[in-house]
Structure formats: C-alpha cells, structure tokens
Amino acid sequence: SKLRDRLGGVVPVEVVRFGVASTLRLLRETGTGFVLRRDPRGQPVVTD
C-alpha cells in the first residue's frame, strides 16, 4: 500500500519553535498549506 507510481503524500518538516509563523509562511510558498501537527489535546507535536 506504500508504493506510488509518482511520489506524493504528506511531507513532514521538523522546524524550530522560534519564528515558526515565518517558517510556515515560507513553507507554504512551496505550493501547499503546511500546518503544525498537533496531538489529541491540540498542542503542537514535539519531536525527540
């Protein structure tokens, strides 16, 4: 089920917290609406 004829899907990006609004604006210039991933409580998911 993970095989694709052409690569596509949700692309995750790890971002620093400082200036995240600006980082998200620049990410959206790649052509899609990047949004912060959130946990069930609605808080941003924190990486290791």
All heavy atoms as atom14 arrays in JSON, in Angstrom:
{
  "sequence": "SKLRDRLGGVVPVEVVRFGVASTLRLLRETGTGFVLRRDPRGQPVVTD",
  "atom14_mask": [
    [1, 1, 1, 1, 1, 1, 0, 0, 0, 0, 0, 0, 0, 0],
    [1, 1, 1, 1, 1, 1, 1, 1, 1, 0, 0, 0, 0, 0],
    [1, 1, 1, 1, 1, 1, 1, 1, 0, 0, 0, 0, 0, 0],
    [1, 1, 1, 1, 1, 1, 1, 1, 1, 1, 1, 0, 0, 0],
    [1, 1, 1, 1, 1, 1, 1, 1, 0, 0, 0, 0, 0, 0],
    [1, 1, 1, 1, 1, 1, 1, 1, 1, 1, 1, 0, 0, 0],
    [1, 1, 1, 1, 1, 1, 1, 1, 0, 0, 0, 0, 0, 0],
    [1, 1, 1, 1, 0, 0, 0, 0, 0, 0, 0, 0, 0, 0],
    [1, 1, 1, 1, 0, 0, 0, 0, 0, 0, 0, 0, 0, 0],
    [1, 1, 1, 1, 1, 1, 1, 0, 0, 0, 0, 0, 0, 0],
    [1, 1, 1, 1, 1, 1, 1, 0, 0, 0, 0, 0, 0, 0],
    [1, 1, 1, 1, 1, 1, 1, 0, 0, 0, 0, 0, 0, 0],
    [1, 1, 1, 1, 1, 1, 1, 0, 0, 0, 0, 0, 0, 0],
    [1, 1, 1, 1, 1, 1, 1, 1, 1, 0, 0, 0, 0, 0],
    [1, 1, 1, 1, 1, 1, 1, 0, 0, 0, 0, 0, 0, 0],
    [1, 1, 1, 1, 1, 1, 1, 0, 0, 0, 0, 0, 0, 0],
    [1, 1, 1, 1, 1, 1, 1, 1, 1, 1, 1, 0, 0, 0],
    [1, 1, 1, 1, 1, 1, 1, 1, 1, 1, 1, 0, 0, 0],
    [1, 1, 1, 1, 0, 0, 0, 0, 0, 0, 0, 0, 0, 0],
    [1, 1, 1, 1, 1, 1, 1, 0, 0, 0, 0, 0, 0, 0],
    [1, 1, 1, 1, 1, 0, 0, 0, 0, 0, 0, 0, 0, 0],
    [1, 1, 1, 1, 1, 1, 0, 0, 0, 0, 0, 0, 0, 0],
    [1, 1, 1, 1, 1, 1, 1, 0, 0, 0, 0, 0, 0, 0],
    [1, 1, 1, 1, 1, 1, 1, 1, 0, 0, 0, 0, 0, 0],
    [1, 1, 1, 1, 1, 1, 1, 1, 1, 1, 1, 0, 0, 0],
    [1, 1, 1, 1, 1, 1, 1, 1, 0, 0, 0, 0, 0, 0],
    [1, 1, 1, 1, 1, 1, 1, 1, 0, 0, 0, 0, 0, 0],
    [1, 1, 1, 1, 1, 1, 1, 1, 1, 1, 1, 0, 0, 0],
    [1, 1, 1, 1, 1, 1, 1, 1, 1, 0, 0, 0, 0, 0],
    [1, 1, 1, 1, 1, 1, 1, 0, 0, 0, 0, 0, 0, 0],
    [1, 1, 1, 1, 0, 0, 0, 0, 0, 0, 0, 0, 0, 0],
    [1, 1, 1, 1, 1, 1, 1, 0, 0, 0, 0, 0, 0, 0],
    [1, 1, 1, 1, 0, 0, 0, 0, 0, 0, 0, 0, 0, 0],
    [1, 1, 1, 1, 1, 1, 1, 1, 1, 1, 1, 0, 0, 0],
    [1, 1, 1, 1, 1, 1, 1, 0, 0, 0, 0, 0, 0, 0],
    [1, 1, 1, 1, 1, 1, 1, 1, 0, 0, 0, 0, 0, 0],
    [1, 1, 1, 1, 1, 1, 1, 1, 1, 1, 1, 0, 0, 0],
    [1, 1, 1, 1, 1, 1, 1, 1, 1, 1, 1, 0, 0, 0],
    [1, 1, 1, 1, 1, 1, 1, 1, 0, 0, 0, 0, 0, 0],
    [1, 1, 1, 1, 1, 1, 1, 0, 0, 0, 0, 0, 0, 0],
    [1, 1, 1, 1, 1, 1, 1, 1, 1, 1, 1, 0, 0, 0],
    [1, 1, 1, 1, 0, 0, 0, 0, 0, 0, 0, 0, 0, 0],
    [1, 1, 1, 1, 1, 1, 1, 1, 1, 0, 0, 0, 0, 0],
    [1, 1, 1, 1, 1, 1, 1, 0, 0, 0, 0, 0, 0, 0],
    [1, 1, 1, 1, 1, 1, 1, 0, 0, 0, 0, 0, 0, 0],
    [1, 1, 1, 1, 1, 1, 1, 0, 0, 0, 0, 0, 0, 0],
    [1, 1, 1, 1, 1, 1, 1, 0, 0, 0, 0, 0, 0, 0],
    [1, 1, 1, 1, 1, 1, 1, 1, 0, 0, 0, 0, 0, 0]
  ],
  "atom14_positions": [
    [[0.82, -1.22, 0.0], [0.0, 0.0, 0.0], [0.85, 1.26, 0.0], [0.35, 2.36, -0.29], [-0.93, 0.0, 1.22], [-0.2, 0.2, 2.43], [0.0, 0.0, 0.0], [0.0, 0.0, 0.0], [0.0, 0.0, 0.0], [0.0, 0.0, 0.0], [0.0, 0.0, 0.0], [0.0, 0.0, 0.0], [0.0, 0.0, 0.0], [0.0, 0.0, 0.0]],
    [[2.13, 1.14, 0.31], [3.02, 2.31, 0.37], [3.67, 2.62, -0.99], [4.36, 3.63, -1.12], [4.1, 2.08, 1.41], [3.58, 1.73, 2.8], [2.7, 2.84, 3.35], [2.07, 2.46, 4.68], [3.05, 2.25, 5.75], [0.0, 0.0, 0.0], [0.0, 0.0, 0.0], [0.0, 0.0, 0.0], [0.0, 0.0, 0.0], [0.0, 0.0, 0.0]],
    [[3.47, 1.78, -1.98], [4.09, 2.0, -3.28], [3.32, 3.06, -4.07], [2.09, 3.08, -4.09], [4.13, 0.69, -4.07], [4.91, -0.46, -3.45], [4.85, -1.68, -4.37], [6.36, -0.06, -3.19], [0.0, 0.0, 0.0], [0.0, 0.0, 0.0], [0.0, 0.0, 0.0], [0.0, 0.0, 0.0], [0.0, 0.0, 0.0], [0.0, 0.0, 0.0]],
    [[4.06, 3.93, -4.74], [3.47, 5.0, -5.55], [4.14, 5.01, -6.93], [5.36, 4.89, -7.04], [3.69, 6.38, -4.9], [3.18, 6.49, -3.47], [1.66, 6.61, -3.45], [1.19, 6.84, -2.08], [0.88, 5.87, -1.21], [1.02, 4.6, -1.58], [0.45, 6.16, 0.0], [0.0, 0.0, 0.0], [0.0, 0.0, 0.0], [0.0, 0.0, 0.0]],
    [[3.34, 5.22, -7.98], [3.92, 5.4, -9.3], [4.7, 6.71, -9.36], [5.73, 6.81, -10.01], [2.82, 5.4, -10.37], [2.17, 4.03, -10.54], [2.87, 3.02, -10.28], [0.99, 3.98, -10.91], [0.0, 0.0, 0.0], [0.0, 0.0, 0.0], [0.0, 0.0, 0.0], [0.0, 0.0, 0.0], [0.0, 0.0, 0.0], [0.0, 0.0, 0.0]],
    [[4.16, 7.74, -8.69], [4.84, 9.03, -8.57], [4.79, 9.43, -7.1], [3.75, 9.31, -6.45], [4.17, 10.1, -9.43], [4.14, 9.76, -10.91], [3.48, 10.87, -11.71], [4.29, 12.08, -11.73], [3.85, 13.26, -12.19], [2.6, 13.37, -12.65], [4.65, 14.31, -12.19], [0.0, 0.0, 0.0], [0.0, 0.0, 0.0], [0.0, 0.0, 0.0]],
    [[5.9, 9.9, -6.58], [5.97, 10.2, -5.16], [4.97, 11.29, -4.77], [4.84, 12.31, -5.44], [7.39, 10.65, -4.8], [7.73, 10.63, -3.3], [7.7, 9.2, -2.76], [9.11, 11.25, -3.06], [0.0, 0.0, 0.0], [0.0, 0.0, 0.0], [0.0, 0.0, 0.0], [0.0, 0.0, 0.0], [0.0, 0.0, 0.0], [0.0, 0.0, 0.0]],
    [[4.27, 11.05, -3.69], [3.3, 12.01, -3.19], [2.82, 11.59, -1.81], [3.02, 10.45, -1.39], [0.0, 0.0, 0.0], [0.0, 0.0, 0.0], [0.0, 0.0, 0.0], [0.0, 0.0, 0.0], [0.0, 0.0, 0.0], [0.0, 0.0, 0.0], [0.0, 0.0, 0.0], [0.0, 0.0, 0.0], [0.0, 0.0, 0.0], [0.0, 0.0, 0.0]],
    [[2.19, 12.53, -1.12], [1.7, 12.26, 0.21], [2.01, 13.42, 1.14], [2.41, 14.51, 0.7], [0.0, 0.0, 0.0], [0.0, 0.0, 0.0], [0.0, 0.0, 0.0], [0.0, 0.0, 0.0], [0.0, 0.0, 0.0], [0.0, 0.0, 0.0], [0.0, 0.0, 0.0], [0.0, 0.0, 0.0], [0.0, 0.0, 0.0], [0.0, 0.0, 0.0]],
    [[1.84, 13.18, 2.41], [2.11, 14.21, 3.41], [3.6, 14.24, 3.71], [4.17, 13.24, 4.14], [1.31, 13.95, 4.7], [1.7, 14.96, 5.78], [-0.18, 14.03, 4.43], [0.0, 0.0, 0.0], [0.0, 0.0, 0.0], [0.0, 0.0, 0.0], [0.0, 0.0, 0.0], [0.0, 0.0, 0.0], [0.0, 0.0, 0.0], [0.0, 0.0, 0.0]],
    [[4.23, 15.39, 3.45], [5.65, 15.56, 3.71], [5.83, 16.3, 5.03], [5.43, 17.46, 5.15], [6.34, 16.35, 2.57], [7.81, 16.59, 2.91], [6.21, 15.6, 1.25], [0.0, 0.0, 0.0], [0.0, 0.0, 0.0], [0.0, 0.0, 0.0], [0.0, 0.0, 0.0], [0.0, 0.0, 0.0], [0.0, 0.0, 0.0], [0.0, 0.0, 0.0]],
    [[6.4, 15.65, 6.05], [6.64, 16.32, 7.31], [7.95, 17.09, 7.29], [8.9, 16.7, 6.62], [6.69, 15.17, 8.32], [7.18, 14.01, 7.52], [6.74, 14.22, 6.11], [0.0, 0.0, 0.0], [0.0, 0.0, 0.0], [0.0, 0.0, 0.0], [0.0, 0.0, 0.0], [0.0, 0.0, 0.0], [0.0, 0.0, 0.0], [0.0, 0.0, 0.0]],
    [[7.98, 18.2, 8.03], [9.17, 19.02, 8.15], [9.36, 19.33, 9.62], [8.42, 19.76, 10.3], [9.03, 20.33, 7.34], [10.23, 21.22, 7.55], [8.85, 20.03, 5.86], [0.0, 0.0, 0.0], [0.0, 0.0, 0.0], [0.0, 0.0, 0.0], [0.0, 0.0, 0.0], [0.0, 0.0, 0.0], [0.0, 0.0, 0.0], [0.0, 0.0, 0.0]],
    [[10.57, 19.09, 10.12], [10.87, 19.44, 11.51], [11.36, 20.88, 11.56], [12.28, 21.26, 10.83], [11.92, 18.49, 12.1], [12.16, 18.72, 13.58], [12.86, 17.56, 14.27], [12.82, 16.43, 13.74], [13.45, 17.79, 15.34], [0.0, 0.0, 0.0], [0.0, 0.0, 0.0], [0.0, 0.0, 0.0], [0.0, 0.0, 0.0], [0.0, 0.0, 0.0]],
    [[10.72, 21.69, 12.4], [11.02, 23.12, 12.47], [11.32, 23.53, 13.9], [10.77, 22.98, 14.86], [9.85, 23.97, 11.92], [9.6, 23.65, 10.46], [8.57, 23.73, 12.73], [0.0, 0.0, 0.0], [0.0, 0.0, 0.0], [0.0, 0.0, 0.0], [0.0, 0.0, 0.0], [0.0, 0.0, 0.0], [0.0, 0.0, 0.0], [0.0, 0.0, 0.0]],
    [[12.21, 24.53, 14.05], [12.46, 25.08, 15.37], [11.28, 25.96, 15.76], [10.55, 26.47, 14.9], [13.78, 25.89, 15.42], [14.97, 25.0, 15.12], [13.73, 27.07, 14.44], [0.0, 0.0, 0.0], [0.0, 0.0, 0.0], [0.0, 0.0, 0.0], [0.0, 0.0, 0.0], [0.0, 0.0, 0.0], [0.0, 0.0, 0.0], [0.0, 0.0, 0.0]],
    [[11.09, 26.13, 17.05], [9.92, 26.88, 17.53], [10.06, 28.38, 17.27], [9.08, 29.06, 16.98], [9.72, 26.63, 19.02], [9.53, 25.16, 19.36], [9.19, 24.98, 20.83], [9.26, 23.58, 21.24], [8.77, 23.12, 22.38], [8.2, 23.95, 23.25], [8.87, 21.84, 22.69], [0.0, 0.0, 0.0], [0.0, 0.0, 0.0], [0.0, 0.0, 0.0]],
    [[11.28, 28.89, 17.37], [11.5, 30.32, 17.2], [11.12, 30.74, 15.77], [11.55, 30.14, 14.8], [12.97, 30.68, 17.45], [13.28, 32.13, 17.22], [12.92, 33.1, 18.15], [13.93, 32.53, 16.06], [13.19, 34.44, 17.93], [14.22, 33.86, 15.84], [13.84, 34.82, 16.77], [0.0, 0.0, 0.0], [0.0, 0.0, 0.0], [0.0, 0.0, 0.0]],
    [[10.28, 31.76, 15.67], [9.89, 32.27, 14.36], [9.06, 31.33, 13.54], [9.07, 31.41, 12.3], [0.0, 0.0, 0.0], [0.0, 0.0, 0.0], [0.0, 0.0, 0.0], [0.0, 0.0, 0.0], [0.0, 0.0, 0.0], [0.0, 0.0, 0.0], [0.0, 0.0, 0.0], [0.0, 0.0, 0.0], [0.0, 0.0, 0.0], [0.0, 0.0, 0.0]],
    [[8.29, 30.46, 14.18], [7.58, 29.41, 13.44], [6.55, 29.98, 12.47], [6.33, 29.42, 11.39], [6.94, 28.39, 14.41], [5.77, 29.02, 15.17], [6.49, 27.15, 13.66], [0.0, 0.0, 0.0], [0.0, 0.0, 0.0], [0.0, 0.0, 0.0], [0.0, 0.0, 0.0], [0.0, 0.0, 0.0], [0.0, 0.0, 0.0], [0.0, 0.0, 0.0]],
    [[5.93, 31.09, 12.8], [4.94, 31.68, 11.88], [5.61, 32.07, 10.56], [5.06, 31.84, 9.47], [4.28, 32.89, 12.53], [0.0, 0.0, 0.0], [0.0, 0.0, 0.0], [0.0, 0.0, 0.0], [0.0, 0.0, 0.0], [0.0, 0.0, 0.0], [0.0, 0.0, 0.0], [0.0, 0.0, 0.0], [0.0, 0.0, 0.0], [0.0, 0.0, 0.0]],
    [[6.8, 32.64, 10.64], [7.54, 33.0, 9.43], [7.97, 31.75, 8.67], [7.89, 31.7, 7.43], [8.77, 33.83, 9.8], [9.55, 34.11, 8.66], [0.0, 0.0, 0.0], [0.0, 0.0, 0.0], [0.0, 0.0, 0.0], [0.0, 0.0, 0.0], [0.0, 0.0, 0.0], [0.0, 0.0, 0.0], [0.0, 0.0, 0.0], [0.0, 0.0, 0.0]],
    [[8.41, 30.73, 9.41], [8.82, 29.48, 8.76], [7.65, 28.85, 8.02], [7.8, 28.39, 6.87], [9.38, 28.5, 9.8], [10.47, 29.11, 10.49], [9.86, 27.22, 9.14], [0.0, 0.0, 0.0], [0.0, 0.0, 0.0], [0.0, 0.0, 0.0], [0.0, 0.0, 0.0], [0.0, 0.0, 0.0], [0.0, 0.0, 0.0], [0.0, 0.0, 0.0]],
    [[6.47, 28.84, 8.63], [5.29, 28.27, 7.98], [4.93, 29.06, 6.72], [4.55, 28.48, 5.7], [4.11, 28.25, 8.95], [4.18, 27.21, 10.07], [3.06, 27.44, 11.07], [4.1, 25.79, 9.51], [0.0, 0.0, 0.0], [0.0, 0.0, 0.0], [0.0, 0.0, 0.0], [0.0, 0.0, 0.0], [0.0, 0.0, 0.0], [0.0, 0.0, 0.0]],
    [[5.06, 30.39, 6.78], [4.77, 31.2, 5.59], [5.69, 30.82, 4.44], [5.24, 30.67, 3.29], [4.93, 32.69, 5.94], [4.74, 33.61, 4.73], [4.88, 35.07, 5.13], [6.18, 35.34, 5.73], [7.3, 35.53, 5.04], [7.29, 35.46, 3.71], [8.44, 35.79, 5.65], [0.0, 0.0, 0.0], [0.0, 0.0, 0.0], [0.0, 0.0, 0.0]],
    [[6.97, 30.64, 4.73], [7.92, 30.26, 3.69], [7.66, 28.84, 3.18], [7.8, 28.55, 1.99], [9.35, 30.39, 4.22], [9.81, 31.82, 4.52], [11.15, 31.81, 5.24], [9.89, 32.63, 3.24], [0.0, 0.0, 0.0], [0.0, 0.0, 0.0], [0.0, 0.0, 0.0], [0.0, 0.0, 0.0], [0.0, 0.0, 0.0], [0.0, 0.0, 0.0]],
    [[7.27, 27.94, 4.09], [6.94, 26.58, 3.68], [5.77, 26.57, 2.71], [5.75, 25.8, 1.74], [6.63, 25.72, 4.9], [7.82, 25.24, 5.73], [7.35, 24.62, 7.03], [8.66, 24.23, 4.94], [0.0, 0.0, 0.0], [0.0, 0.0, 0.0], [0.0, 0.0, 0.0], [0.0, 0.0, 0.0], [0.0, 0.0, 0.0], [0.0, 0.0, 0.0]],
    [[4.8, 27.43, 2.94], [3.61, 27.46, 2.08], [3.93, 27.96, 0.68], [3.17, 27.71, -0.25], [2.52, 28.31, 2.75], [1.94, 27.62, 3.98], [1.12, 28.55, 4.84], [0.68, 27.85, 6.07], [0.44, 28.46, 7.22], [0.59, 29.78, 7.33], [0.06, 27.77, 8.27], [0.0, 0.0, 0.0], [0.0, 0.0, 0.0], [0.0, 0.0, 0.0]],
    [[5.05, 28.61, 0.52], [5.46, 29.08, -0.8], [5.93, 27.92, -1.69], [6.14, 28.1, -2.89], [6.57, 30.13, -0.67], [6.07, 31.44, -0.07], [7.17, 32.49, 0.06], [8.31, 32.21, -0.35], [6.88, 33.58, 0.59], [0.0, 0.0, 0.0], [0.0, 0.0, 0.0], [0.0, 0.0, 0.0], [0.0, 0.0, 0.0], [0.0, 0.0, 0.0]],
    [[6.07, 26.73, -1.11], [6.43, 25.56, -1.93], [5.23, 25.01, -2.68], [5.38, 24.1, -3.5], [7.03, 24.45, -1.05], [6.03, 23.98, -0.12], [8.24, 24.95, -0.28], [0.0, 0.0, 0.0], [0.0, 0.0, 0.0], [0.0, 0.0, 0.0], [0.0, 0.0, 0.0], [0.0, 0.0, 0.0], [0.0, 0.0, 0.0], [0.0, 0.0, 0.0]],
    [[4.03, 25.53, -2.36], [2.87, 25.13, -3.14], [1.78, 24.4, -2.41], [0.81, 23.96, -3.03], [0.0, 0.0, 0.0], [0.0, 0.0, 0.0], [0.0, 0.0, 0.0], [0.0, 0.0, 0.0], [0.0, 0.0, 0.0], [0.0, 0.0, 0.0], [0.0, 0.0, 0.0], [0.0, 0.0, 0.0], [0.0, 0.0, 0.0], [0.0, 0.0, 0.0]],
    [[1.91, 24.26, -1.11], [0.85, 23.6, -0.35], [0.76, 24.19, 1.05], [1.69, 24.86, 1.52], [1.09, 22.07, -0.26], [-0.11, 21.42, 0.16], [2.2, 21.73, 0.7], [0.0, 0.0, 0.0], [0.0, 0.0, 0.0], [0.0, 0.0, 0.0], [0.0, 0.0, 0.0], [0.0, 0.0, 0.0], [0.0, 0.0, 0.0], [0.0, 0.0, 0.0]],
    [[-0.35, 23.96, 1.72], [-0.62, 24.6, 3.0], [-0.04, 23.86, 4.19], [-0.74, 23.06, 4.84], [0.0, 0.0, 0.0], [0.0, 0.0, 0.0], [0.0, 0.0, 0.0], [0.0, 0.0, 0.0], [0.0, 0.0, 0.0], [0.0, 0.0, 0.0], [0.0, 0.0, 0.0], [0.0, 0.0, 0.0], [0.0, 0.0, 0.0], [0.0, 0.0, 0.0]],
    [[1.21, 24.09, 4.48], [1.84, 23.46, 5.64], [1.16, 23.94, 6.93], [0.91, 25.14, 7.1], [3.32, 23.79, 5.7], [4.18, 22.87, 4.88], [4.45, 23.14, 3.55], [4.72, 21.72, 5.45], [5.25, 22.29, 2.8], [5.52, 20.87, 4.71], [5.78, 21.15, 3.37], [0.0, 0.0, 0.0], [0.0, 0.0, 0.0], [0.0, 0.0, 0.0]],
    [[0.89, 23.01, 7.83], [0.31, 23.33, 9.14], [1.05, 22.54, 10.21], [1.6, 21.48, 9.94], [-1.2, 22.99, 9.2], [-1.99, 23.85, 8.23], [-1.44, 21.51, 8.91], [0.0, 0.0, 0.0], [0.0, 0.0, 0.0], [0.0, 0.0, 0.0], [0.0, 0.0, 0.0], [0.0, 0.0, 0.0], [0.0, 0.0, 0.0], [0.0, 0.0, 0.0]],
    [[1.06, 23.07, 11.42], [1.68, 22.36, 12.52], [0.9, 21.1, 12.84], [-0.34, 21.11, 12.88], [1.75, 23.24, 13.76], [2.75, 24.39, 13.75], [2.66, 25.16, 15.07], [4.18, 23.87, 13.56], [0.0, 0.0, 0.0], [0.0, 0.0, 0.0], [0.0, 0.0, 0.0], [0.0, 0.0, 0.0], [0.0, 0.0, 0.0], [0.0, 0.0, 0.0]],
    [[1.61, 20.01, 13.07], [0.97, 18.77, 13.52], [0.62, 18.91, 14.99], [1.44, 19.4, 15.79], [1.89, 17.58, 13.3], [1.24, 16.24, 13.61], [2.21, 15.08, 13.47], [2.8, 15.01, 12.12], [3.66, 14.08, 11.75], [4.05, 13.15, 12.63], [4.16, 14.07, 10.52], [0.0, 0.0, 0.0], [0.0, 0.0, 0.0], [0.0, 0.0, 0.0]],
    [[-0.55, 18.48, 15.38], [-0.98, 18.63, 16.77], [-1.38, 17.29, 17.37], [-1.82, 16.38, 16.66], [-2.14, 19.63, 16.87], [-1.72, 21.03, 16.4], [-2.77, 22.09, 16.61], [-2.31, 23.4, 16.14], [-1.59, 24.25, 16.87], [-1.29, 23.93, 18.14], [-1.2, 25.41, 16.38], [0.0, 0.0, 0.0], [0.0, 0.0, 0.0], [0.0, 0.0, 0.0]],
    [[-1.22, 17.19, 18.69], [-1.57, 15.97, 19.4], [-3.06, 15.99, 19.74], [-3.77, 16.96, 19.42], [-0.69, 15.81, 20.65], [-0.9, 16.91, 21.68], [-1.97, 17.57, 21.66], [-0.01, 17.1, 22.52], [0.0, 0.0, 0.0], [0.0, 0.0, 0.0], [0.0, 0.0, 0.0], [0.0, 0.0, 0.0], [0.0, 0.0, 0.0], [0.0, 0.0, 0.0]],
    [[-3.59, 14.93, 20.36], [-5.03, 14.88, 20.66], [-5.51, 16.03, 21.56], [-6.71, 16.34, 21.57], [-5.19, 13.53, 21.36], [-4.1, 12.69, 20.78], [-2.94, 13.62, 20.63], [0.0, 0.0, 0.0], [0.0, 0.0, 0.0], [0.0, 0.0, 0.0], [0.0, 0.0, 0.0], [0.0, 0.0, 0.0], [0.0, 0.0, 0.0], [0.0, 0.0, 0.0]],
    [[-4.62, 16.67, 22.3], [-5.01, 17.8, 23.14], [-4.96, 19.13, 22.39], [-5.26, 20.17, 22.96], [-4.09, 17.89, 24.36], [-4.12, 16.66, 25.27], [-3.04, 16.76, 26.33], [-1.71, 16.84, 25.7], [-0.61, 17.24, 26.34], [-0.68, 17.6, 27.61], [0.54, 17.27, 25.69], [0.0, 0.0, 0.0], [0.0, 0.0, 0.0], [0.0, 0.0, 0.0]],
    [[-4.55, 19.06, 21.12], [-4.47, 20.28, 20.34], [-3.16, 21.01, 20.45], [-3.01, 22.11, 19.9], [0.0, 0.0, 0.0], [0.0, 0.0, 0.0], [0.0, 0.0, 0.0], [0.0, 0.0, 0.0], [0.0, 0.0, 0.0], [0.0, 0.0, 0.0], [0.0, 0.0, 0.0], [0.0, 0.0, 0.0], [0.0, 0.0, 0.0], [0.0, 0.0, 0.0]],
    [[-2.18, 20.39, 21.11], [-0.88, 21.01, 21.27], [0.07, 20.56, 20.15], [-0.06, 19.45, 19.63], [-0.28, 20.63, 22.63], [-1.1, 21.08, 23.82], [-1.26, 22.59, 23.84], [-0.29, 23.34, 23.74], [-2.51, 23.03, 23.96], [0.0, 0.0, 0.0], [0.0, 0.0, 0.0], [0.0, 0.0, 0.0], [0.0, 0.0, 0.0], [0.0, 0.0, 0.0]],
    [[1.03, 21.42, 19.75], [1.98, 21.01, 18.72], [2.74, 19.76, 19.12], [3.16, 19.61, 20.28], [2.92, 22.21, 18.61], [2.11, 23.38, 19.08], [1.24, 22.82, 20.18], [0.0, 0.0, 0.0], [0.0, 0.0, 0.0], [0.0, 0.0, 0.0], [0.0, 0.0, 0.0], [0.0, 0.0, 0.0], [0.0, 0.0, 0.0], [0.0, 0.0, 0.0]],
    [[2.9, 18.83, 18.17], [3.67, 17.62, 18.42], [5.14, 18.01, 18.59], [5.69, 18.78, 17.78], [3.51, 16.62, 17.26], [4.51, 15.48, 17.36], [2.08, 16.07, 17.25], [0.0, 0.0, 0.0], [0.0, 0.0, 0.0], [0.0, 0.0, 0.0], [0.0, 0.0, 0.0], [0.0, 0.0, 0.0], [0.0, 0.0, 0.0], [0.0, 0.0, 0.0]],
    [[5.78, 17.48, 19.63], [7.17, 17.8, 19.93], [8.03, 16.59, 19.57], [7.74, 15.45, 19.97], [7.35, 18.15, 21.42], [8.83, 18.46, 21.72], [6.48, 19.34, 21.78], [0.0, 0.0, 0.0], [0.0, 0.0, 0.0], [0.0, 0.0, 0.0], [0.0, 0.0, 0.0], [0.0, 0.0, 0.0], [0.0, 0.0, 0.0], [0.0, 0.0, 0.0]],
    [[9.09, 16.82, 18.81], [9.99, 15.74, 18.41], [10.95, 15.4, 19.55], [11.02, 16.1, 20.57], [10.82, 16.14, 17.18], [11.78, 17.13, 17.57], [9.93, 16.68, 16.08], [0.0, 0.0, 0.0], [0.0, 0.0, 0.0], [0.0, 0.0, 0.0], [0.0, 0.0, 0.0], [0.0, 0.0, 0.0], [0.0, 0.0, 0.0], [0.0, 0.0, 0.0]],
    [[11.71, 14.32, 19.35], [12.73, 13.94, 20.33], [13.78, 15.03, 20.5], [14.49, 15.06, 21.5], [13.42, 12.64, 19.9], [12.51, 11.43, 20.03], [11.6, 11.47, 20.86], [12.71, 10.47, 19.28], [0.0, 0.0, 0.0], [0.0, 0.0, 0.0], [0.0, 0.0, 0.0], [0.0, 0.0, 0.0], [0.0, 0.0, 0.0], [0.0, 0.0, 0.0]]
  ]
}
